[in-house]
């Protein structure tokens, strides 16, 4: 199931991660999905937060850099 048009709340990330994402106008999963680790660092995320984002995306069958897995 393709969930890239869902809101980021569906990833069940921490409130602090959601707050940073929303403050950078990242509202939908597709907005987050197009970013890479370097860009997330530039937005102010720590390594652990980036890992949490990556794991949440992978649980949805997605990966950073626009990869979709079935």
PDB file of N, CA and C in Angstrom:
ATOM      1  N   UNK A   1       0.847  -1.189   0.000  1.00  0.00           N
ATOM      2  CA  UNK A   1       0.000   0.000   0.000  1.00  0.00           C
ATOM      3  C   UNK A   1       0.887   1.244   0.000  1.00  0.00           C
ATOM      4  N   UNK A   2       0.610   2.143  -0.906  1.00  0.00           N
ATOM      5  CA  UNK A   2       1.390   3.356  -1.041  1.00  0.00           C
ATOM      6  C   UNK A   2       0.836   4.425  -0.101  1.00  0.00           C
ATOM      7  N   UNK A   3       1.654   4.868   0.826  1.00  0.00           N
ATOM      8  CA  UNK A   3       1.184   5.796   1.861  1.00  0.00           C
ATOM      9  C   UNK A   3       1.853   7.164   1.759  1.00  0.00           C
ATOM     10  N   UNK A   4       2.498   7.468   0.640  1.00  0.00           N
ATOM     11  CA  UNK A   4       3.263   8.714   0.579  1.00  0.00           C
ATOM     12  C   UNK A   4       2.397   9.969   0.637  1.00  0.00           C
ATOM     13  N   UNK A   5       1.091   9.828   0.369  1.00  0.00           N
ATOM     14  CA  UNK A   5       0.210  10.992   0.446  1.00  0.00           C
ATOM     15  C   UNK A   5      -0.404  11.171   1.834  1.00  0.00           C
ATOM     16  N   UNK A   6      -0.081  10.286   2.768  1.00  0.00           N
ATOM     17  CA  UNK A   6      -0.581  10.406   4.141  1.00  0.00           C
ATOM     18  C   UNK A   6       0.203  11.478   4.892  1.00  0.00           C
ATOM     19  N   UNK A   7      -0.368  11.937   5.990  1.00  0.00           N
ATOM     20  CA  UNK A   7       0.320  12.921   6.818  1.00  0.00           C
ATOM     21  C   UNK A   7       1.390  12.234   7.659  1.00  0.00           C
ATOM     22  N   UNK A   8       2.392  13.007   8.076  1.00  0.00           N
ATOM     23  CA  UNK A   8       3.517  12.438   8.817  1.00  0.00           C
ATOM     24  C   UNK A   8       3.100  11.863  10.170  1.00  0.00           C
ATOM     25  N   UNK A   9       1.967  12.271  10.701  1.00  0.00           N
ATOM     26  CA  UNK A   9       1.490  11.729  11.972  1.00  0.00           C
ATOM     27  C   UNK A   9       1.289  10.217  11.880  1.00  0.00           C
ATOM     28  N   UNK A  10       1.014   9.705  10.689  1.00  0.00           N
ATOM     29  CA  UNK A  10       0.802   8.268  10.502  1.00  0.00           C
ATOM     30  C   UNK A  10       2.073   7.460  10.740  1.00  0.00           C
ATOM     31  N   UNK A  11       3.229   8.117  10.738  1.00  0.00           N
ATOM     32  CA  UNK A  11       4.481   7.417  11.002  1.00  0.00           C
ATOM     33  C   UNK A  11       4.693   7.175  12.492  1.00  0.00           C
ATOM     34  N   UNK A  12       3.883   7.819  13.323  1.00  0.00           N
ATOM     35  CA  UNK A  12       3.965   7.676  14.779  1.00  0.00           C
ATOM     36  C   UNK A  12       5.359   8.006  15.322  1.00  0.00           C
ATOM     37  N   UNK A  13       5.883   9.131  14.860  1.00  0.00           N
ATOM     38  CA  UNK A  13       7.169   9.624  15.343  1.00  0.00           C
ATOM     39  C   UNK A  13       6.960  10.402  16.638  1.00  0.00           C
ATOM     40  N   UNK A  14       8.028  10.705  17.330  1.00  0.00           N
ATOM     41  CA  UNK A  14       7.911  11.450  18.580  1.00  0.00           C
ATOM     42  C   UNK A  14       7.396  12.869  18.308  1.00  0.00           C
ATOM     43  N   UNK A  15       6.873  13.484  19.357  1.00  0.00           N
ATOM     44  CA  UNK A  15       6.341  14.840  19.229  1.00  0.00           C
ATOM     45  C   UNK A  15       7.430  15.828  18.825  1.00  0.00           C
ATOM     46  N   UNK A  16       8.645  15.630  19.344  1.00  0.00           N
ATOM     47  CA  UNK A  16       9.727  16.563  19.011  1.00  0.00           C
ATOM     48  C   UNK A  16      10.111  16.456  17.529  1.00  0.00           C
ATOM     49  N   UNK A  17      10.096  15.246  16.991  1.00  0.00           N
ATOM     50  CA  UNK A  17      10.402  15.067  15.568  1.00  0.00           C
ATOM     51  C   UNK A  17       9.302  15.699  14.724  1.00  0.00           C
ATOM     52  N   UNK A  18       8.039  15.434  15.081  1.00  0.00           N
ATOM     53  CA  UNK A  18       6.924  16.024  14.339  1.00  0.00           C
ATOM     54  C   UNK A  18       6.973  17.547  14.374  1.00  0.00           C
ATOM     55  N   UNK A  19       7.357  18.095  15.508  1.00  0.00           N
ATOM     56  CA  UNK A  19       7.421  19.553  15.647  1.00  0.00           C
ATOM     57  C   UNK A  19       8.458  20.149  14.691  1.00  0.00           C
ATOM     58  N   UNK A  20       9.641  19.523  14.620  1.00  0.00           N
ATOM     59  CA  UNK A  20      10.691  20.009  13.714  1.00  0.00           C
ATOM     60  C   UNK A  20      10.239  19.872  12.264  1.00  0.00           C
ATOM     61  N   UNK A  21       9.623  18.741  11.937  1.00  0.00           N
ATOM     62  CA  UNK A  21       9.150  18.532  10.567  1.00  0.00           C
ATOM     63  C   UNK A  21       8.121  19.589  10.185  1.00  0.00           C
ATOM     64  N   UNK A  22       7.143  19.817  11.043  1.00  0.00           N
ATOM     65  CA  UNK A  22       6.097  20.798  10.728  1.00  0.00           C
ATOM     66  C   UNK A  22       6.654  22.209  10.633  1.00  0.00           C
ATOM     67  N   UNK A  23       7.634  22.533  11.469  1.00  0.00           N
ATOM     68  CA  UNK A  23       8.217  23.879  11.412  1.00  0.00           C
ATOM     69  C   UNK A  23       8.992  24.094  10.108  1.00  0.00           C
ATOM     70  N   UNK A  24       9.337  23.008   9.432  1.00  0.00           N
ATOM     71  CA  UNK A  24      10.023  23.094   8.135  1.00  0.00           C
ATOM     72  C   UNK A  24       9.084  22.763   6.979  1.00  0.00           C
ATOM     73  N   UNK A  25       7.777  22.888   7.225  1.00  0.00           N
ATOM     74  CA  UNK A  25       6.735  22.653   6.211  1.00  0.00           C
ATOM     75  C   UNK A  25       6.783  21.251   5.611  1.00  0.00           C
ATOM     76  N   UNK A  26       7.136  20.280   6.420  1.00  0.00           N
ATOM     77  CA  UNK A  26       7.097  18.878   5.999  1.00  0.00           C
ATOM     78  C   UNK A  26       5.853  18.284   6.642  1.00  0.00           C
ATOM     79  N   UNK A  27       4.771  18.239   5.867  1.00  0.00           N
ATOM     80  CA  UNK A  27       3.472  17.844   6.383  1.00  0.00           C
ATOM     81  C   UNK A  27       3.107  16.423   5.968  1.00  0.00           C
ATOM     82  N   UNK A  28       3.494  16.054   4.768  1.00  0.00           N
ATOM     83  CA  UNK A  28       3.120  14.747   4.226  1.00  0.00           C
ATOM     84  C   UNK A  28       4.344  13.837   4.147  1.00  0.00           C
ATOM     85  N   UNK A  29       4.096  12.535   4.158  1.00  0.00           N
ATOM     86  CA  UNK A  29       5.175  11.560   4.081  1.00  0.00           C
ATOM     87  C   UNK A  29       6.006  11.775   2.815  1.00  0.00           C
ATOM     88  N   UNK A  30       5.350  12.162   1.723  1.00  0.00           N
ATOM     89  CA  UNK A  30       6.103  12.378   0.474  1.00  0.00           C
ATOM     90  C   UNK A  30       7.116  13.509   0.614  1.00  0.00           C
ATOM     91  N   UNK A  31       6.837  14.500   1.470  1.00  0.00           N
ATOM     92  CA  UNK A  31       7.785  15.592   1.704  1.00  0.00           C
ATOM     93  C   UNK A  31       9.027  15.078   2.443  1.00  0.00           C
ATOM     94  N   UNK A  32       8.820  14.174   3.374  1.00  0.00           N
ATOM     95  CA  UNK A  32       9.910  13.592   4.149  1.00  0.00           C
ATOM     96  C   UNK A  32      10.674  12.563   3.340  1.00  0.00           C
ATOM     97  N   UNK A  33       9.964  11.795   2.545  1.00  0.00           N
ATOM     98  CA  UNK A  33      10.497  10.702   1.747  1.00  0.00           C
ATOM     99  C   UNK A  33      11.548  11.168   0.744  1.00  0.00           C
ATOM    100  N   UNK A  34      11.448  12.401   0.294  1.00  0.00           N
ATOM    101  CA  UNK A  34      12.385  12.914  -0.712  1.00  0.00           C
ATOM    102  C   UNK A  34      13.696  13.425  -0.107  1.00  0.00           C
ATOM    103  N   UNK A  35      13.763  13.512   1.204  1.00  0.00           N
ATOM    104  CA  UNK A  35      14.961  14.034   1.857  1.00  0.00           C
ATOM    105  C   UNK A  35      16.006  12.933   2.025  1.00  0.00           C
ATOM    106  N   UNK A  36      17.240  13.356   2.278  1.00  0.00           N
ATOM    107  CA  UNK A  36      18.290  12.398   2.589  1.00  0.00           C
ATOM    108  C   UNK A  36      18.837  12.706   3.981  1.00  0.00           C
ATOM    109  N   UNK A  37      19.725  11.861   4.448  1.00  0.00           N
ATOM    110  CA  UNK A  37      20.275  12.000   5.805  1.00  0.00           C
ATOM    111  C   UNK A  37      20.945  13.363   5.998  1.00  0.00           C
ATOM    112  N   UNK A  38      21.673  13.827   5.005  1.00  0.00           N
ATOM    113  CA  UNK A  38      22.373  15.118   5.110  1.00  0.00           C
ATOM    114  C   UNK A  38      21.376  16.264   5.289  1.00  0.00           C
ATOM    115  N   UNK A  39      20.293  16.239   4.520  1.00  0.00           N
ATOM    116  CA  UNK A  39      19.285  17.290   4.622  1.00  0.00           C
ATOM    117  C   UNK A  39      18.607  17.258   5.992  1.00  0.00           C
ATOM    118  N   UNK A  40      18.352  16.057   6.504  1.00  0.00           N
ATOM    119  CA  UNK A  40      17.751  15.941   7.832  1.00  0.00           C
ATOM    120  C   UNK A  40      18.677  16.521   8.898  1.00  0.00           C
ATOM    121  N   UNK A  41      19.983  16.292   8.750  1.00  0.00           N
ATOM    122  CA  UNK A  41      20.963  16.882   9.674  1.00  0.00           C
ATOM    123  C   UNK A  41      20.909  18.400   9.615  1.00  0.00           C
ATOM    124  N   UNK A  42      20.786  18.935   8.391  1.00  0.00           N
ATOM    125  CA  UNK A  42      20.710  20.389   8.211  1.00  0.00           C
ATOM    126  C   UNK A  42      19.462  20.970   8.864  1.00  0.00           C
ATOM    127  N   UNK A  43      18.394  20.180   8.940  1.00  0.00           N
ATOM    128  CA  UNK A  43      17.164  20.633   9.588  1.00  0.00           C
ATOM    129  C   UNK A  43      17.275  20.593  11.109  1.00  0.00           C
ATOM    130  N   UNK A  44      18.355  19.992  11.624  1.00  0.00           N
ATOM    131  CA  UNK A  44      18.594  19.989  13.065  1.00  0.00           C
ATOM    132  C   UNK A  44      18.320  18.673  13.764  1.00  0.00           C
ATOM    133  N   UNK A  45      18.140  17.606  13.016  1.00  0.00           N
ATOM    134  CA  UNK A  45      17.887  16.310  13.636  1.00  0.00           C
ATOM    135  C   UNK A  45      19.179  15.677  14.121  1.00  0.00           C
ATOM    136  N   UNK A  46      19.074  14.970  15.245  1.00  0.00           N
ATOM    137  CA  UNK A  46      20.196  14.198  15.774  1.00  0.00           C
ATOM    138  C   UNK A  46      20.191  12.827  15.105  1.00  0.00           C
ATOM    139  N   UNK A  47      21.314  12.110  15.214  1.00  0.00           N
ATOM    140  CA  UNK A  47      21.440  10.797  14.580  1.00  0.00           C
ATOM    141  C   UNK A  47      20.335   9.837  15.014  1.00  0.00           C
ATOM    142  N   UNK A  48      20.028   9.810  16.308  1.00  0.00           N
ATOM    143  CA  UNK A  48      18.996   8.909  16.795  1.00  0.00           C
ATOM    144  C   UNK A  48      17.633   9.255  16.188  1.00  0.00           C
ATOM    145  N   UNK A  49      17.332  10.539  16.072  1.00  0.00           N
ATOM    146  CA  UNK A  49      16.061  10.963  15.471  1.00  0.00           C
ATOM    147  C   UNK A  49      16.000  10.558  13.999  1.00  0.00           C
ATOM    148  N   UNK A  50      17.116  10.691  13.300  1.00  0.00           N
ATOM    149  CA  UNK A  50      17.165  10.293  11.889  1.00  0.00           C
ATOM    150  C   UNK A  50      16.938   8.787  11.766  1.00  0.00           C
ATOM    151  N   UNK A  51      17.546   8.011  12.654  1.00  0.00           N
ATOM    152  CA  UNK A  51      17.324   6.564  12.652  1.00  0.00           C
ATOM    153  C   UNK A  51      15.859   6.233  12.907  1.00  0.00           C
ATOM    154  N   UNK A  52      15.225   6.955  13.831  1.00  0.00           N
ATOM    155  CA  UNK A  52      13.800   6.737  14.110  1.00  0.00           C
ATOM    156  C   UNK A  52      12.953   7.020  12.871  1.00  0.00           C
ATOM    157  N   UNK A  53      13.290   8.085  12.156  1.00  0.00           N
ATOM    158  CA  UNK A  53      12.565   8.438  10.927  1.00  0.00           C
ATOM    159  C   UNK A  53      12.755   7.336   9.886  1.00  0.00           C
ATOM    160  N   UNK A  54      13.993   6.886   9.711  1.00  0.00           N
ATOM    161  CA  UNK A  54      14.287   5.842   8.723  1.00  0.00           C
ATOM    162  C   UNK A  54      13.520   4.563   9.043  1.00  0.00           C
ATOM    163  N   UNK A  55      13.511   4.168  10.309  1.00  0.00           N
ATOM    164  CA  UNK A  55      12.801   2.950  10.708  1.00  0.00           C
ATOM    165  C   UNK A  55      11.307   3.097  10.473  1.00  0.00           C
ATOM    166  N   UNK A  56      10.744   4.240  10.821  1.00  0.00           N
ATOM    167  CA  UNK A  56       9.308   4.464  10.614  1.00  0.00           C
ATOM    168  C   UNK A  56       8.955   4.406   9.129  1.00  0.00           C
ATOM    169  N   UNK A  57       9.799   4.976   8.294  1.00  0.00           N
ATOM    170  CA  UNK A  57       9.567   4.914   6.850  1.00  0.00           C
ATOM    171  C   UNK A  57       9.669   3.475   6.351  1.00  0.00           C
ATOM    172  N   UNK A  58      10.665   2.736   6.831  1.00  0.00           N
ATOM    173  CA  UNK A  58      10.846   1.352   6.393  1.00  0.00           C
ATOM    174  C   UNK A  58       9.653   0.486   6.794  1.00  0.00           C
ATOM    175  N   UNK A  59       9.071   0.750   7.937  1.00  0.00           N
ATOM    176  CA  UNK A  59       7.882   0.008   8.349  1.00  0.00           C
ATOM    177  C   UNK A  59       6.706   0.254   7.409  1.00  0.00           C
ATOM    178  N   UNK A  60       6.748   1.362   6.684  1.00  0.00           N
ATOM    179  CA  UNK A  60       5.717   1.681   5.697  1.00  0.00           C
ATOM    180  C   UNK A  60       6.121   1.209   4.296  1.00  0.00           C
ATOM    181  N   UNK A  61       7.283   0.581   4.189  1.00  0.00           N
ATOM    182  CA  UNK A  61       7.760   0.113   2.889  1.00  0.00           C
ATOM    183  C   UNK A  61       8.474   1.187   2.097  1.00  0.00           C
ATOM    184  N   UNK A  62       8.930   2.223   2.778  1.00  0.00           N
ATOM    185  CA  UNK A  62       9.609   3.351   2.127  1.00  0.00           C
ATOM    186  C   UNK A  62      11.018   3.484   2.673  1.00  0.00           C
ATOM    187  N   UNK A  63      11.840   4.193   1.942  1.00  0.00           N
ATOM    188  CA  UNK A  63      13.185   4.497   2.393  1.00  0.00           C
ATOM    189  C   UNK A  63      13.496   5.921   1.955  1.00  0.00           C
ATOM    190  N   UNK A  64      14.469   6.538   2.598  1.00  0.00           N
ATOM    191  CA  UNK A  64      14.860   7.877   2.174  1.00  0.00           C
ATOM    192  C   UNK A  64      15.339   7.809   0.723  1.00  0.00           C
ATOM    193  N   UNK A  65      15.370   8.920   0.077  1.00  0.00           N
ATOM    194  CA  UNK A  65      15.799   9.040  -1.326  1.00  0.00           C
ATOM    195  C   UNK A  65      14.830   8.392  -2.306  1.00  0.00           C
ATOM    196  N   UNK A  66      13.559   8.427  -1.982  1.00  0.00           N
ATOM    197  CA  UNK A  66      12.488   8.032  -2.914  1.00  0.00           C
ATOM    198  C   UNK A  66      12.483   6.562  -3.302  1.00  0.00           C
ATOM    199  N   UNK A  67      12.794   5.673  -2.400  1.00  0.00           N
ATOM    200  CA  UNK A  67      12.722   4.246  -2.680  1.00  0.00           C
ATOM    201  C   UNK A  67      11.441   3.671  -2.086  1.00  0.00           C
ATOM    202  N   UNK A  68      10.780   2.800  -2.830  1.00  0.00           N
ATOM    203  CA  UNK A  68       9.572   2.125  -2.356  1.00  0.00           C
ATOM    204  C   UNK A  68       9.814   0.623  -2.422  1.00  0.00           C
ATOM    205  N   UNK A  69       9.482  -0.072  -1.346  1.00  0.00           N
ATOM    206  CA  UNK A  69       9.607  -1.522  -1.307  1.00  0.00           C
ATOM    207  C   UNK A  69       8.226  -2.131  -1.169  1.00  0.00           C
ATOM    208  N   UNK A  70       8.032  -3.269  -1.788  1.00  0.00           N
ATOM    209  CA  UNK A  70       6.729  -3.957  -1.704  1.00  0.00           C
ATOM    210  C   UNK A  70       6.677  -4.905  -0.539  1.00  0.00           C
TER     211      UNK A  70
END
